[in-house]
């Protein structure tokens, strides 16, 4: 079509030039003037045609240039996306390498802990730690400790979680973690059963460290699934004061500082009040990483709140029925026996002013809930809101494979001892 148009234009230019040339020739200009007019007319026509053609082609060229630019922009975007994917892949590889190093460190740490436990079990001098027991009890003690060791090394440690709800909405905000050991037959060993043997033998620290370490591993997995949920995990003063365990444990937490919002270390009131300088300093190191503390097993409500603030204690758990038993009426107002000068309904408010929230635990009946609500407690825990339930094995398995059959991937904690 373009060629036909060009041919027609050329014919038109030739006709115009011939008309001009014939007009000059007939008017006496002669053959020379006619030929010159013909050639000049053709030249002018084609020059004019060139201008018109360029004017018509300019938008087309511009469109093509824009198309090239758009294609170039698309290519750049694809290159940027590809570069971003390559960067993500490089970062993922780096994370995997770092994770491999962390897992290697954890495996080494677990092996050290288990070896320490084994060394204590094989120490002939451990029999001397039972002065009140007859010599015949030594084989029973050894058998029980073998059962404990096998439960730890064969991954027979179960994690239980009990909900802690806000009041009055009763929405689960936290979980209390418990751990249980199982023997080879699958029978659950309650803490009181093995602590009676482990404590006199001086093995509680080794077991406690092992349980606490595994608790952190599981919390790391659970926190990835729901970072809004916090988990209370008991830590003993023996673990905080263990010079060989705590530095490694601190390094583990430093590499997982993102757990600081999900993991809350819990300490009994008696242990907290009796803490030494080493334990207090190590608590401070955990607080520097952003981890919070909770105090449970409260028997005296006359609490030094300033001391709790200095130790970064953010929660205090009080038995619901024990709290209700503390209520007495004096001069027409309800007060607590331990704090007769303070109205009972102001007890929670006083703690809250220090940045401490109260949790009423061991709630069993709706009547207890009514009394607790009148005291303005923020949270409640007990069988009324949910019993401790075992975490499914597939969830535990996601915490990472047990290193060479060292331990079961279950959060282990001293809280189960309570």
Protein backbone atom coordinates (compact mmCIF):
# COMPACT_ATOMS: atom_id res chain seq x y z
CA UNK A 1 0.00 0.00 0.00
CA UNK A 2 2.87 2.30 0.83
CA UNK A 3 4.49 1.68 -2.57
CA UNK A 4 1.26 2.37 -4.45
CA UNK A 5 0.83 5.62 -2.59
CA UNK A 6 4.42 6.60 -3.45
CA UNK A 7 3.87 5.79 -7.14
CA UNK A 8 0.71 7.87 -7.30
CA UNK A 9 2.43 10.81 -5.59
CA UNK A 10 5.34 10.58 -8.03
CA UNK A 11 2.90 10.56 -10.98
CA UNK A 12 1.15 13.59 -9.51
CA UNK A 13 4.48 15.44 -9.11
CA UNK A 14 5.40 14.59 -12.75
CA UNK A 15 2.06 15.86 -14.07
CA UNK A 16 2.39 19.12 -12.14
CA UNK A 17 5.92 19.60 -13.43
CA UNK A 18 4.81 18.90 -17.06
CA UNK A 19 1.94 21.38 -16.70
CA UNK A 20 4.33 24.07 -15.47
CA UNK A 21 6.86 23.29 -18.22
CA UNK A 22 4.22 23.33 -21.00
CA UNK A 23 2.79 26.57 -19.66
CA UNK A 24 6.21 28.26 -19.84
CA UNK A 25 6.91 26.81 -23.32
CA UNK A 26 3.57 27.98 -24.73
CA UNK A 27 4.11 31.44 -23.29
CA UNK A 28 7.33 31.81 -25.31
CA UNK A 29 9.82 30.54 -22.84
CA UNK A 30 11.28 28.02 -25.31
CA UNK A 31 12.36 24.44 -24.86
CA UNK A 32 15.13 25.34 -22.41
CA UNK A 33 12.77 27.08 -20.02
CA UNK A 34 10.30 24.22 -20.29
CA UNK A 35 12.92 21.56 -19.49
CA UNK A 36 14.32 23.66 -16.61
CA UNK A 37 10.83 24.15 -15.24
CA UNK A 38 10.19 20.41 -15.54
CA UNK A 39 13.39 19.43 -13.71
CA UNK A 40 13.01 22.16 -11.09
CA UNK A 41 9.37 21.31 -10.50
CA UNK A 42 10.18 17.67 -10.04
CA UNK A 43 12.96 18.57 -7.60
CA UNK A 44 10.74 20.85 -5.57
CA UNK A 45 7.94 18.30 -5.55
CA UNK A 46 10.17 15.51 -4.36
CA UNK A 47 11.74 17.78 -1.73
CA UNK A 48 8.30 18.73 -0.51
CA UNK A 49 7.33 15.05 -0.60
CA UNK A 50 10.38 14.24 1.58
CA UNK A 51 9.30 16.82 4.14
CA UNK A 52 5.77 15.44 4.20
CA UNK A 53 7.03 11.87 4.48
CA UNK A 54 9.35 12.76 7.37
CA UNK A 55 6.52 14.58 9.09
CA UNK A 56 4.31 11.53 8.69
CA UNK A 57 7.04 9.11 9.82
CA UNK A 58 8.03 11.12 12.94
CA UNK A 59 5.10 9.84 15.13
CA UNK A 60 5.83 6.31 13.97
CA UNK A 61 9.47 6.65 14.89
CA UNK A 62 8.55 8.15 18.21
CA UNK A 63 6.17 5.27 18.86
CA UNK A 64 8.90 2.81 18.03
CA UNK A 65 11.32 4.63 20.31
CA UNK A 66 8.78 4.56 23.14
CA UNK A 67 8.22 0.88 22.50
CA UNK A 68 11.98 0.30 22.75
CA UNK A 69 12.11 2.32 25.96
CA UNK A 70 9.19 0.36 27.42
CA UNK A 71 10.88 -2.89 26.49
CA UNK A 72 14.08 -1.62 28.10
CA UNK A 73 12.16 -0.70 31.26
CA UNK A 74 10.57 -4.14 31.40
CA UNK A 75 13.98 -5.76 30.97
CA UNK A 76 15.37 -3.62 33.80
CA UNK A 77 12.47 -4.60 36.06
CA UNK A 78 13.04 -8.26 35.29
CA UNK A 79 16.74 -7.84 36.00
CA UNK A 80 15.95 -6.13 39.32
CA UNK A 81 13.57 -8.93 40.26
CA UNK A 82 16.14 -11.50 39.29
CA UNK A 83 18.75 -9.65 41.31
CA UNK A 84 16.36 -9.57 44.28
CA UNK A 85 15.74 -13.30 43.99
CA UNK A 86 19.46 -13.94 43.80
CA UNK A 87 19.96 -11.78 46.89
CA UNK A 88 17.21 -13.69 48.72
CA UNK A 89 18.78 -16.96 47.70
CA UNK A 90 22.16 -15.77 48.92
CA UNK A 91 20.59 -14.65 52.20
CA UNK A 92 18.79 -17.98 52.55
CA UNK A 93 22.05 -19.80 51.99
CA UNK A 94 23.70 -17.59 54.60
CA UNK A 95 20.85 -18.24 57.05
CA UNK A 96 21.09 -21.97 56.41
CA UNK A 97 24.81 -21.86 57.02
CA UNK A 98 24.30 -19.88 60.23
CA UNK A 99 21.52 -22.23 61.27
CA UNK A 100 23.79 -25.19 60.62
CA UNK A 101 26.39 -23.62 62.86
CA UNK A 102 23.76 -22.98 65.56
CA UNK A 103 22.49 -26.55 65.31
CA UNK A 104 26.06 -27.79 65.54
CA UNK A 105 26.53 -25.70 68.69
CA UNK A 106 23.24 -26.99 70.11
CA UNK A 107 24.20 -30.58 69.39
CA UNK A 108 27.51 -30.02 71.14
CA UNK A 109 25.76 -28.39 74.07
CA UNK A 110 23.29 -31.26 74.40
CA UNK A 111 26.08 -33.79 74.21
CA UNK A 112 27.96 -31.97 76.96
CA UNK A 113 24.87 -31.86 79.18
CA UNK A 114 24.09 -35.53 78.68
CA UNK A 115 27.72 -36.43 79.25
CA UNK A 116 27.75 -34.48 82.49
CA UNK A 117 24.66 -36.36 83.60
CA UNK A 118 26.27 -39.65 82.63
CA UNK A 119 29.45 -38.77 84.51
CA UNK A 120 27.47 -38.03 87.63
CA UNK A 121 25.65 -41.34 87.30
CA UNK A 122 28.90 -43.24 86.89
CA UNK A 123 30.60 -41.49 89.81
CA UNK A 124 31.06 -44.03 92.62
CA UNK A 125 31.11 -41.22 95.13
CA UNK A 126 27.47 -40.40 94.43
CA UNK A 127 26.41 -43.20 96.77
CA UNK A 128 27.84 -41.11 99.61
CA UNK A 129 25.22 -38.44 98.93
CA UNK A 130 22.54 -40.61 100.52
CA UNK A 131 23.64 -40.81 104.17
CA UNK A 132 20.08 -41.42 105.32
CA UNK A 133 19.47 -44.31 102.94
CA UNK A 134 20.44 -47.91 103.56
CA UNK A 135 23.06 -49.35 101.20
CA UNK A 136 20.39 -51.57 99.65
CA UNK A 137 18.72 -48.43 98.28
CA UNK A 138 21.71 -47.68 96.04
CA UNK A 139 20.67 -50.16 93.29
CA UNK A 140 17.15 -48.70 93.27
CA UNK A 141 18.58 -45.21 92.99
CA UNK A 142 20.86 -46.29 90.17
CA UNK A 143 17.99 -47.98 88.34
CA UNK A 144 15.80 -44.89 88.62
CA UNK A 145 18.61 -42.64 87.43
CA UNK A 146 19.17 -44.96 84.49
CA UNK A 147 15.48 -44.59 83.66
CA UNK A 148 15.79 -40.80 83.85
CA UNK A 149 18.87 -40.81 81.65
CA UNK A 150 17.24 -43.08 79.09
CA UNK A 151 14.12 -40.89 79.02
CA UNK A 152 16.31 -37.90 78.20
CA UNK A 153 18.60 -39.59 75.71
CA UNK A 154 15.83 -41.56 73.99
CA UNK A 155 13.66 -38.47 73.47
CA UNK A 156 10.93 -39.61 75.84
CA UNK A 157 10.16 -36.11 77.11
CA UNK A 158 6.66 -34.70 76.55
CA UNK A 159 5.73 -31.03 76.55
CA UNK A 160 2.41 -29.89 77.99
CA UNK A 161 0.95 -26.41 77.61
CA UNK A 162 -1.77 -24.88 79.78
CA UNK A 163 -3.50 -21.67 78.61
CA UNK A 164 -3.28 -18.39 80.51
CA UNK A 165 -6.27 -16.21 79.57
CA UNK A 166 -7.06 -12.55 79.89
CA UNK A 167 -9.98 -11.54 82.10
CA UNK A 168 -12.86 -11.19 81.64
CA UNK A 169 -12.64 -12.06 77.91
CA UNK A 170 -10.89 -15.40 78.55
CA UNK A 171 -8.80 -15.21 75.41
CA UNK A 172 -5.58 -17.22 75.50
CA UNK A 173 -2.65 -14.83 75.75
CA UNK A 174 0.08 -17.03 77.25
CA UNK A 175 0.84 -20.67 77.92
CA UNK A 176 2.41 -22.30 80.95
CA UNK A 177 4.79 -25.06 79.88
CA UNK A 178 5.23 -28.36 81.68
CA UNK A 179 7.43 -31.32 80.86
CA UNK A 180 7.02 -34.97 81.70
CA UNK A 181 9.40 -37.91 81.35
CA UNK A 182 8.29 -41.37 80.20
CA UNK A 183 10.00 -44.66 80.94
CA UNK A 184 10.57 -47.42 78.39
CA UNK A 185 7.05 -48.78 78.91
CA UNK A 186 5.51 -45.39 78.16
CA UNK A 187 4.51 -44.69 81.76
CA UNK A 188 4.61 -40.99 82.63
CA UNK A 189 7.02 -40.20 85.47
CA UNK A 190 5.81 -37.35 87.64
CA UNK A 191 8.43 -34.87 88.90
CA UNK A 192 7.98 -35.88 92.51
CA UNK A 193 8.97 -39.43 91.57
CA UNK A 194 12.39 -38.68 90.14
CA UNK A 195 13.21 -35.49 92.06
CA UNK A 196 13.25 -37.45 95.29
CA UNK A 197 16.24 -39.30 93.87
CA UNK A 198 17.80 -36.60 91.72
CA UNK A 199 17.95 -33.88 94.37
CA UNK A 200 19.96 -35.82 96.98
CA UNK A 201 22.28 -37.01 94.21
CA UNK A 202 22.92 -33.45 93.08
CA UNK A 203 21.56 -34.21 89.60
CA UNK A 204 18.75 -31.68 89.56
CA UNK A 205 20.92 -29.04 87.95
CA UNK A 206 21.90 -31.32 85.07
CA UNK A 207 18.29 -32.38 84.50
CA UNK A 208 17.04 -28.84 84.88
CA UNK A 209 19.56 -27.48 82.39
CA UNK A 210 18.61 -30.17 79.92
CA UNK A 211 14.90 -29.43 80.27
CA UNK A 212 15.36 -25.68 80.07
CA UNK A 213 17.51 -25.95 76.98
CA UNK A 214 14.94 -28.04 75.18
CA UNK A 215 12.17 -25.69 76.25
CA UNK A 216 13.89 -22.86 74.41
CA UNK A 217 14.20 -25.00 71.29
CA UNK A 218 10.48 -25.71 71.20
CA UNK A 219 9.47 -22.16 72.04
CA UNK A 220 11.49 -21.07 69.03
CA UNK A 221 9.32 -23.25 66.80
CA UNK A 222 6.03 -22.28 68.46
CA UNK A 223 6.92 -18.59 68.32
CA UNK A 224 7.34 -18.81 64.54
CA UNK A 225 3.82 -20.15 64.30
CA UNK A 226 2.26 -17.46 66.50
CA UNK A 227 4.53 -14.68 67.76
CA UNK A 228 1.71 -13.10 69.76
CA UNK A 229 1.70 -15.99 72.22
CA UNK A 230 4.03 -15.95 75.23
CA UNK A 231 5.18 -19.08 77.04
CA UNK A 232 6.15 -19.25 80.70
CA UNK A 233 9.16 -21.51 81.18
CA UNK A 234 10.50 -22.08 84.67
CA UNK A 235 14.18 -21.61 85.30
CA UNK A 236 15.88 -22.67 88.51
CA UNK A 237 18.49 -20.71 90.39
CA UNK A 238 20.75 -23.73 89.90
CA UNK A 239 20.65 -23.13 86.15
CA UNK A 240 21.22 -19.39 86.55
CA UNK A 241 24.22 -20.08 88.77
CA UNK A 242 25.71 -22.92 86.72
CA UNK A 243 29.02 -21.47 85.52
CA UNK A 244 29.48 -24.05 82.75
CA UNK A 245 25.90 -24.18 81.48
CA UNK A 246 24.70 -20.59 81.68
CA UNK A 247 27.29 -18.95 79.35
CA UNK A 248 26.39 -21.44 76.60
CA UNK A 249 22.70 -20.96 77.33
CA UNK A 250 23.14 -17.19 77.13
CA UNK A 251 24.87 -17.53 73.77
CA UNK A 252 21.92 -19.59 72.53
CA UNK A 253 19.45 -16.92 73.61
CA UNK A 254 21.60 -14.14 72.17
CA UNK A 255 21.38 -15.90 68.80
CA UNK A 256 17.59 -16.09 69.22
CA UNK A 257 16.76 -12.67 70.60
CA UNK A 258 13.58 -12.69 68.54
CA UNK A 259 12.20 -15.07 71.19
CA UNK A 260 12.34 -12.37 73.85
CA UNK A 261 8.70 -11.50 73.25
CA UNK A 262 7.58 -15.12 73.41
CA UNK A 263 9.63 -16.61 76.25
CA UNK A 264 9.08 -15.61 79.88
CA UNK A 265 11.33 -17.16 82.52
CA UNK A 266 9.54 -18.08 85.74
CA UNK A 267 11.08 -18.26 89.21
CA UNK A 268 9.51 -19.24 92.52
CA UNK A 269 9.20 -16.56 95.19
CA UNK A 270 11.41 -18.36 97.70
CA UNK A 271 14.14 -18.92 95.10
CA UNK A 272 13.87 -15.32 93.91
CA UNK A 273 14.23 -13.92 97.42
CA UNK A 274 17.22 -16.19 98.09
CA UNK A 275 19.05 -15.43 94.85
CA UNK A 276 22.71 -14.59 95.08
CA UNK A 277 24.88 -12.08 93.28
CA UNK A 278 25.75 -14.50 90.46
CA UNK A 279 22.13 -15.43 89.82
CA UNK A 280 21.02 -11.79 89.94
CA UNK A 281 23.74 -10.80 87.50
CA UNK A 282 22.78 -13.57 85.09
CA UNK A 283 19.13 -12.54 85.33
CA UNK A 284 20.27 -9.07 84.35
CA UNK A 285 22.05 -10.48 81.30
CA UNK A 286 18.85 -12.17 80.17
CA UNK A 287 16.94 -8.93 80.73
CA UNK A 288 19.48 -7.06 78.58
CA UNK A 289 18.53 -9.40 75.73
CA UNK A 290 14.88 -8.38 76.21
CA UNK A 291 13.64 -11.46 78.08
CA UNK A 292 11.07 -11.01 80.84
CA UNK A 293 10.58 -12.75 84.17
CA UNK A 294 7.65 -14.00 86.18
CA UNK A 295 7.42 -14.94 89.86
CA UNK A 296 5.20 -17.83 90.96
CA UNK A 297 4.67 -19.98 94.07
CA UNK A 298 3.85 -16.79 95.95
CA UNK A 299 3.20 -17.41 99.66
CA UNK A 300 3.70 -13.87 100.96
CA UNK A 301 1.72 -11.05 99.32
CA UNK A 302 3.82 -8.39 101.04
CA UNK A 303 6.10 -8.22 98.00
CA UNK A 304 8.98 -5.80 97.51
CA UNK A 305 7.76 -4.35 94.22
CA UNK A 306 10.84 -2.20 93.73
CA UNK A 307 12.99 -5.32 93.94
CA UNK A 308 10.83 -6.93 91.25
CA UNK A 309 11.23 -3.89 89.02
CA UNK A 310 15.01 -3.98 89.42
CA UNK A 311 14.98 -7.64 88.39
CA UNK A 312 12.71 -7.00 85.37
CA UNK A 313 9.92 -9.16 86.77
CA UNK A 314 6.79 -8.32 84.77
CA UNK A 315 4.32 -10.95 86.06
CA UNK A 316 3.38 -12.36 89.44
CA UNK A 317 1.32 -15.53 89.75
CA UNK A 318 -0.81 -16.02 92.85
CA UNK A 319 -2.99 -19.01 93.65
CA UNK A 320 -6.63 -18.04 93.18
CA UNK A 321 -7.96 -19.83 96.26
CA UNK A 322 -5.02 -18.71 98.38
CA UNK A 323 -5.76 -15.14 97.33
CA UNK A 324 -9.44 -15.50 98.23
CA UNK A 325 -8.47 -16.95 101.61
CA UNK A 326 -6.42 -13.80 102.21
CA UNK A 327 -9.51 -11.61 101.97
CA UNK A 328 -10.89 -10.24 105.25
CA UNK A 329 -13.27 -7.41 106.06
CA UNK A 330 -11.88 -4.64 108.26
CA UNK A 331 -13.93 -1.57 109.18
CA UNK A 332 -16.42 -2.29 106.44
CA UNK A 333 -13.88 -2.69 103.64
CA UNK A 334 -12.24 -5.72 102.08
CA UNK A 335 -8.48 -6.03 102.61
CA UNK A 336 -5.77 -8.67 102.38
CA UNK A 337 -4.41 -10.18 105.59
CA UNK A 338 -0.83 -9.56 104.45
CA UNK A 339 -1.62 -5.94 103.52
CA UNK A 340 -4.27 -4.68 105.96
CA UNK A 341 -3.61 -1.03 105.08
CA UNK A 342 -4.42 -1.56 101.39
CA UNK A 343 -7.89 -2.10 99.98
CA UNK A 344 -8.06 -5.47 98.27
CA UNK A 345 -9.29 -4.01 94.99
CA UNK A 346 -6.22 -1.73 94.90
CA UNK A 347 -3.69 -4.56 95.13
CA UNK A 348 -3.65 -5.21 91.37
CA UNK A 349 -3.59 -1.48 90.62
CA UNK A 350 -0.59 -1.02 92.90
CA UNK A 351 1.33 -3.74 91.07
CA UNK A 352 0.28 -2.33 87.72
CA UNK A 353 1.78 1.05 88.61
CA UNK A 354 5.12 -0.76 88.89
CA UNK A 355 4.63 -2.38 85.49
CA UNK A 356 3.67 -5.76 86.97
CA UNK A 357 0.59 -7.73 85.95
CA UNK A 358 -1.01 -10.25 88.31
CA UNK A 359 -2.08 -13.72 87.21
CA UNK A 360 -4.51 -15.72 89.34
CA UNK A 361 -3.56 -19.38 88.90
CA UNK A 362 -5.18 -22.66 89.93
CA UNK A 363 -8.66 -21.36 89.11
CA UNK A 364 -11.12 -24.23 89.29
CA UNK A 365 -14.62 -22.72 89.67
CA UNK A 366 -16.69 -19.88 88.26
CA UNK A 367 -17.14 -18.51 91.77
CA UNK A 368 -13.40 -18.01 92.02
CA UNK A 369 -13.50 -16.10 88.74
CA UNK A 370 -16.12 -13.72 90.15
CA UNK A 371 -13.97 -13.00 93.20
CA UNK A 372 -10.83 -12.57 91.07
CA UNK A 373 -12.59 -10.13 88.73
CA UNK A 374 -13.54 -7.99 91.71
CA UNK A 375 -9.83 -7.75 92.50
CA UNK A 376 -9.09 -6.48 88.95
CA UNK A 377 -6.65 -9.27 88.01
CA UNK A 378 -5.64 -9.09 84.35
CA UNK A 379 -5.11 -12.82 83.74
CA UNK A 380 -6.25 -16.21 84.98
CA UNK A 381 -4.96 -19.75 84.75
CA UNK A 382 -6.39 -23.07 85.86
CA UNK A 383 -8.32 -26.14 84.81
CA UNK A 384 -11.43 -24.00 84.43
CA UNK A 385 -9.83 -22.31 81.42
CA UNK A 386 -8.07 -25.40 80.12
CA UNK A 387 -6.04 -28.34 81.37
CA UNK A 388 -2.43 -28.91 80.34
CA UNK A 389 -2.38 -30.66 76.99
CA UNK A 390 0.49 -32.45 75.32
CA UNK A 391 1.94 -30.90 72.18
CA UNK A 392 1.53 -33.17 69.17
CA UNK A 393 4.58 -35.14 68.12
CA UNK A 394 4.63 -33.62 64.65
CA UNK A 395 4.87 -30.14 66.18
CA UNK A 396 7.74 -31.25 68.37
CA UNK A 397 9.46 -32.84 65.40
CA UNK A 398 9.52 -29.49 63.62
CA UNK A 399 11.80 -28.12 66.31
CA UNK A 400 14.62 -30.01 64.67
CA UNK A 401 15.77 -33.61 64.57
CA UNK A 402 17.21 -34.97 67.79
CA UNK A 403 21.00 -34.91 67.42
CA UNK A 404 22.22 -38.49 67.17
CA UNK A 405 19.45 -39.67 69.50
CA UNK A 406 20.63 -37.25 72.16
CA UNK A 407 17.29 -35.76 73.10
CA UNK A 408 13.66 -35.59 72.10
CA UNK A 409 12.64 -32.23 70.60
CA UNK A 410 10.46 -31.23 73.51
CA UNK A 411 10.62 -28.08 75.63
CA UNK A 412 12.05 -29.05 78.91
CA UNK A 413 11.62 -27.01 82.01
CA UNK A 414 11.85 -27.09 85.75
CA UNK A 415 8.27 -25.74 85.95
CA UNK A 416 7.15 -29.31 85.76
CA UNK A 417 8.69 -29.83 89.15
CA UNK A 418 6.20 -27.59 90.85
